Protein backbone atom coordinates (compact mmCIF):
# COMPACT_ATOMS: atom_id res chain seq x y z
CA MET A 1 -23.59 27.97 -78.23
CA ARG A 2 -20.64 25.95 -79.47
CA THR A 3 -18.47 29.01 -79.16
CA PHE A 4 -19.61 29.43 -75.51
CA PHE A 5 -18.69 25.83 -74.59
CA LEU A 6 -15.33 26.11 -76.27
CA ALA A 7 -14.58 29.29 -74.34
CA ALA A 8 -15.70 27.75 -71.03
CA THR A 9 -13.55 24.67 -71.66
CA ALA A 10 -10.55 26.86 -72.34
CA ILE A 11 -11.04 28.84 -69.13
CA VAL A 12 -11.38 25.67 -66.96
CA SER A 13 -8.34 24.11 -68.63
CA ALA A 14 -6.29 27.22 -67.94
CA ALA A 15 -7.42 27.33 -64.30
CA LEU A 16 -6.61 23.68 -63.47
CA PRO A 17 -2.80 24.02 -63.41
CA THR A 18 -3.08 27.13 -61.25
CA THR A 19 -5.41 25.34 -58.77
CA ALA A 20 -3.11 22.32 -58.62
CA ALA A 21 -0.12 24.57 -57.99
CA LYS A 22 -1.92 26.32 -55.15
CA ALA A 23 -2.87 22.97 -53.60
CA ALA A 24 0.74 21.87 -53.79
CA ASP A 25 1.81 25.10 -52.13
CA VAL A 26 -0.69 24.58 -49.26
CA SER A 27 0.49 21.01 -48.80
CA THR A 28 4.09 22.16 -48.71
CA ALA A 29 3.28 24.91 -46.22
CA ALA A 30 1.54 22.53 -43.73
CA TYR A 31 3.74 22.14 -40.63
CA ASP A 32 5.29 18.71 -40.01
CA TRP A 33 5.28 17.72 -36.31
CA SER A 34 6.64 14.21 -36.79
CA GLY A 35 10.05 13.05 -35.66
CA PHE A 36 12.47 12.85 -32.76
CA TYR A 37 13.03 15.87 -30.48
CA LEU A 38 14.90 17.11 -27.43
CA GLY A 39 13.93 19.99 -25.18
CA LEU A 40 13.99 21.92 -21.93
CA ASN A 41 11.24 23.05 -19.59
CA ALA A 42 10.94 25.55 -16.74
CA GLY A 43 8.06 26.77 -14.63
CA ALA A 44 6.34 26.63 -11.26
CA GLY A 45 5.22 23.72 -9.10
CA PHE A 46 2.24 24.08 -6.76
CA ASN A 47 2.48 21.64 -3.87
CA ASN A 48 -0.71 20.15 -2.41
CA SER A 49 0.90 17.38 -0.34
CA GLU A 50 -0.24 16.54 3.19
CA VAL A 51 1.68 15.01 6.10
CA ASN A 52 -0.30 13.55 9.01
CA HIS A 53 0.99 12.00 12.22
CA ASP A 54 -0.56 10.82 15.46
CA PHE A 55 0.35 8.87 18.60
CA ASN A 56 -1.63 6.08 20.21
CA TYR A 57 -1.22 4.41 23.59
CA PHE A 58 -1.83 0.65 23.58
CA GLY A 59 -0.86 -0.10 27.17
CA PRO A 60 -2.99 -0.63 30.28
CA ASP A 61 -4.12 1.98 32.78
CA VAL A 62 -1.12 3.29 34.73
CA ASP A 63 -1.01 2.81 38.50
CA GLY A 64 -0.42 6.19 40.08
CA GLY A 65 -1.02 7.84 36.70
CA GLY A 66 -3.85 8.04 34.21
CA SER A 67 -6.14 5.69 32.37
CA ALA A 68 -5.47 4.56 28.80
CA GLY A 69 -8.29 6.81 27.63
CA GLU A 70 -6.83 9.87 29.38
CA ILE A 71 -3.40 9.18 27.89
CA ASN A 72 -4.83 8.89 24.37
CA ASP A 73 -6.88 12.07 24.79
CA LEU A 74 -3.71 13.94 25.68
CA LEU A 75 -1.76 12.35 22.81
CA ASP A 76 -4.38 13.74 20.41
CA ASP A 77 -2.98 17.18 21.25
CA VAL A 78 0.54 16.07 20.27
CA ASP A 79 -0.46 15.09 16.72
CA ALA A 80 1.62 16.82 14.05
CA ASN A 81 0.14 17.69 10.66
CA LEU A 82 1.25 19.73 7.66
CA SER A 83 -0.79 20.79 4.63
CA SER A 84 1.65 22.21 2.14
CA ASP A 85 0.54 24.99 -0.20
CA GLU A 86 3.94 26.26 -1.35
CA THR A 87 4.95 27.35 -4.84
CA ALA A 88 8.44 26.44 -6.04
CA PHE A 89 10.60 26.50 -9.17
CA THR A 90 10.81 23.37 -11.28
CA GLY A 91 12.74 22.71 -14.47
CA GLY A 92 14.33 19.93 -16.45
CA ALA A 93 15.02 18.20 -19.74
CA LEU A 94 12.78 16.13 -22.01
CA ILE A 95 12.97 13.76 -24.96
CA GLY A 96 10.24 12.47 -27.26
CA TYR A 97 8.99 11.30 -30.63
CA ASN A 98 5.90 12.27 -32.67
CA TRP A 99 3.94 10.46 -35.39
CA GLN A 100 1.62 12.54 -37.57
CA HIS A 101 -1.35 11.40 -39.67
CA ASP A 102 -3.06 14.33 -41.38
CA SER A 103 -3.99 16.66 -38.52
CA LEU A 104 -3.65 14.02 -35.77
CA VAL A 105 -0.37 13.82 -33.86
CA PHE A 106 0.54 10.91 -31.59
CA GLY A 107 3.65 10.87 -29.44
CA ILE A 108 5.59 9.63 -26.44
CA GLU A 109 7.60 11.86 -24.13
CA ALA A 110 9.84 11.42 -21.07
CA ASP A 111 11.23 14.10 -18.78
CA MET A 112 13.43 14.45 -15.70
CA ASN A 113 12.91 17.49 -13.49
CA TYR A 114 14.26 19.31 -10.46
CA ALA A 115 11.61 19.86 -7.77
CA GLY A 116 12.28 22.64 -5.30
CA PHE A 117 9.65 21.66 -2.73
CA GLY A 118 10.51 22.03 0.95
CA ASN A 119 8.14 23.00 3.74
CA ASP A 120 7.93 22.58 7.52
CA ALA A 121 5.92 23.59 10.56
CA THR A 122 6.94 23.62 14.24
CA SER A 123 4.67 23.70 17.30
CA ASN A 124 5.35 23.99 21.03
CA ILE A 125 4.13 20.89 22.92
CA SER A 126 5.79 21.56 26.29
CA ASP A 127 2.53 21.56 28.26
CA GLN A 128 1.41 18.26 26.74
CA LEU A 129 4.74 16.54 27.44
CA ASN A 130 4.82 17.65 31.07
CA GLU A 131 1.25 16.47 31.61
CA LEU A 132 2.02 13.20 29.81
CA GLY A 133 4.78 12.44 32.30
CA GLY A 134 2.28 12.56 35.14
CA LEU A 135 -0.24 10.34 33.34
CA LEU A 136 2.50 7.77 32.66
CA GLY A 137 3.33 7.62 36.38
CA ASP A 138 6.61 9.52 36.27
CA PRO A 139 7.41 10.26 39.96
CA GLY A 140 9.38 13.33 38.89
CA ALA A 141 6.62 14.82 36.75
CA GLY A 142 6.12 18.46 37.61
CA GLU A 143 9.54 18.72 39.28
CA GLU A 144 11.70 18.63 36.12
CA GLU A 145 10.10 20.87 33.51
CA LEU A 146 10.34 19.74 29.91
CA TYR A 147 10.52 22.00 26.87
CA GLY A 148 9.22 20.22 23.78
CA THR A 149 8.66 20.95 20.10
CA ALA A 150 7.10 18.96 17.24
CA ARG A 151 8.48 19.68 13.76
CA THR A 152 6.73 18.33 10.66
CA SER A 153 8.53 18.61 7.31
CA PHE A 154 8.11 17.73 3.64
CA GLY A 155 10.67 17.77 0.83
CA ALA A 156 11.11 16.68 -2.79
CA ASP A 157 14.36 16.50 -4.77
CA TRP A 158 13.17 15.50 -8.23
CA PHE A 159 10.35 13.95 -10.25
CA ALA A 160 10.06 12.41 -13.72
CA THR A 161 7.31 11.33 -16.10
CA LEU A 162 6.81 8.95 -19.03
CA ARG A 163 3.71 10.00 -20.98
CA GLY A 164 1.74 9.42 -24.13
CA ARG A 165 0.47 12.41 -26.12
CA VAL A 166 -2.48 12.81 -28.51
CA GLY A 167 -2.95 16.11 -30.30
CA PHE A 168 -4.58 18.07 -33.10
CA ALA A 169 -2.35 20.05 -35.47
CA ALA A 170 -3.55 23.26 -37.10
CA ASP A 171 -0.50 24.03 -39.26
CA ASN A 172 2.03 25.62 -36.87
CA PHE A 173 -0.16 25.11 -33.79
CA LEU A 174 -0.42 21.83 -31.87
CA PHE A 175 -3.00 21.29 -29.12
CA TYR A 176 -2.64 18.07 -27.12
CA GLY A 177 -3.58 16.04 -24.07
CA THR A 178 -1.07 13.92 -22.21
CA GLY A 179 -0.92 11.30 -19.44
CA GLY A 180 1.08 8.40 -18.09
CA LEU A 181 3.48 7.33 -15.35
CA ALA A 182 5.13 9.62 -12.80
CA TYR A 183 7.77 8.93 -10.16
CA GLY A 184 9.96 10.97 -7.85
CA LYS A 185 12.06 11.23 -4.70
CA MET A 186 9.87 12.44 -1.82
CA GLU A 187 10.47 12.61 1.91
CA ALA A 188 8.46 13.50 4.99
CA SER A 189 9.24 13.42 8.70
CA VAL A 190 8.00 14.28 12.17
CA LYS A 191 10.55 15.03 14.89
CA ILE A 192 9.85 15.67 18.56
CA ASP A 193 12.51 17.16 20.84
CA ALA A 194 12.07 17.13 24.62
CA THR A 195 14.65 18.89 26.79
CA GLU A 196 14.81 18.99 30.58
CA LEU A 197 15.33 22.68 31.30
CA GLU A 198 17.12 22.18 34.62
CA ASP A 199 19.41 19.38 33.47
CA ASP A 200 22.64 20.12 31.56
CA ASP A 201 23.22 16.45 30.71
CA PRO A 202 22.46 16.00 26.97
CA ASP A 203 21.78 12.30 27.58
CA SER A 204 18.68 13.28 29.52
CA ASN A 205 17.10 14.85 26.42
CA ARG A 206 14.58 12.81 24.45
CA TYR A 207 14.14 12.73 20.69
CA TYR A 208 11.61 11.01 18.47
CA THR A 209 11.71 10.82 14.67
CA GLY A 210 9.28 9.13 12.32
CA SER A 211 9.94 9.47 8.61
CA THR A 212 9.78 8.12 5.07
CA ASP A 213 12.34 8.75 2.34
CA ALA A 214 11.83 6.84 -0.90
CA THR A 215 11.08 6.96 -4.61
CA ASN A 216 7.32 6.92 -5.11
CA TRP A 217 5.43 5.87 -8.24
CA GLY A 218 2.13 7.31 -9.43
CA TRP A 219 0.44 8.94 -12.40
CA THR A 220 0.13 12.26 -14.20
CA VAL A 221 -2.33 13.88 -16.61
CA GLY A 222 -2.32 17.24 -18.36
CA ALA A 223 -2.63 19.31 -21.53
CA GLY A 224 -0.65 21.80 -23.53
CA MET A 225 -0.05 23.65 -26.76
CA GLU A 226 2.96 24.33 -28.99
CA TYR A 227 3.83 26.68 -31.82
CA GLY A 228 6.32 25.47 -34.43
CA ILE A 229 8.95 27.62 -36.13
CA ASP A 230 11.19 25.75 -38.58
CA ASN A 231 12.44 22.74 -36.59
CA TRP A 232 11.85 24.50 -33.22
CA SER A 233 8.70 24.69 -31.13
CA LEU A 234 7.75 26.76 -28.09
CA GLY A 235 4.88 25.84 -25.80
CA PHE A 236 3.08 25.83 -22.48
CA GLU A 237 2.01 22.77 -20.51
CA TYR A 238 0.02 21.90 -17.39
CA LEU A 239 0.53 18.63 -15.47
CA TYR A 240 -1.20 17.25 -12.39
CA VAL A 241 1.05 14.74 -10.61
CA ASP A 242 -0.08 12.21 -7.99
CA LEU A 243 2.73 10.11 -6.50
CA GLY A 244 0.51 8.14 -4.16
CA SER A 245 1.18 7.88 -0.45
CA ALA A 246 3.67 6.50 2.06
CA ASP A 247 3.43 5.70 5.77
CA TRP A 248 5.49 4.65 8.78
CA ARG A 249 4.96 3.21 12.26
CA THR A 250 7.43 3.57 15.13
CA ASN A 251 7.35 2.45 18.74
CA LEU A 252 8.20 5.46 20.87
CA GLY A 253 10.11 3.39 23.39
CA GLU A 254 12.49 2.16 20.67
CA THR A 255 13.43 5.60 19.32
CA VAL A 256 13.54 7.75 22.46
CA ASN A 257 15.91 7.80 25.45
CA ASP A 258 13.50 5.88 27.70
CA ASP A 259 15.52 4.25 30.48
CA GLU A 260 12.47 3.90 32.71
CA GLY A 261 10.36 2.20 30.01
CA GLN A 262 7.51 4.67 30.30
CA LEU A 263 6.97 5.07 26.55
CA VAL A 264 6.93 1.43 25.41
CA GLY A 265 3.14 1.40 24.95
CA ILE A 266 3.08 4.49 22.71
CA GLN A 267 3.21 4.07 18.94
CA GLY A 268 3.74 6.82 16.40
CA LYS A 269 1.98 6.48 13.05
CA GLY A 270 2.44 8.81 10.10
CA ASP A 271 1.39 9.05 6.48
CA VAL A 272 1.91 11.45 3.59
CA ASP A 273 0.01 12.02 0.34
CA TYR A 274 2.10 13.40 -2.53
CA GLN A 275 0.23 15.60 -5.02
CA PHE A 276 1.28 18.70 -6.91
CA SER A 277 0.60 20.65 -10.10
CA VAL A 278 3.08 22.03 -12.62
CA VAL A 279 2.71 24.93 -15.06
CA ARG A 280 5.72 25.27 -17.34
CA ALA A 281 7.08 26.61 -20.62
CA THR A 282 8.79 24.25 -23.07
CA ALA A 283 11.32 24.70 -25.87
CA LYS A 284 12.05 21.80 -28.26
CA ILE A 285 14.19 21.12 -31.29
CA ARG A 286 13.30 18.35 -33.77
CA PHE A 287 15.73 16.27 -35.79
């Protein structure tokens, strides 16, 4: 029996250094995600923004024309709306820092990106404009035919984010969620052109424009994964970006050639909601 215990002790003692060496090797082989990094991204943006615009008449009934209700009913047909569903290229640069504790990875990341969004829709509103002239008491309505169009447009030059990241590391793989601030340059507009077909004088044409063009702030949330190779990592990421909304109000009589003052009681009101999604590939180098 003593011989058996001595043999067992010898075997365990011989195995311990080997086990410790293997544990050291595993620890050395575990991928380190911590540190400062720079990178690039490129992918597709899916625009879900909406532009809405309508006109309202706040004046009294028009002698020799129509009632306020009739005028507003007709203006409902002049409303201009755009629901964007375009897909566009987006790409940019990013910078960040990771902290790692065992398999948990915490980080902060900022990026600046090109946004190739641009969409518009144009409708013919000639019939509505000619009828509107009669309701507003224009004595020449029906004699000078107007040709009119309403063009609604949306555009975005760039967007950026500042996000926190929380992830789980499985050696060379990192799976994470992310969220934070988003901001970007967005613009939207509605333009109405009205041309008198039988009049060559450009001063007789009427134009209306309502628009917003500003940097909007909002939020973003998403998820992604990365695979590390040496001090490089390649990954894929999804972000949903909501940049809030913007609106404008414009008195038609102040923006249109309206010598006779027929349009003073008409107000244009527009608003736009900025939302889009991004699916992109990333490449990063850590220092």
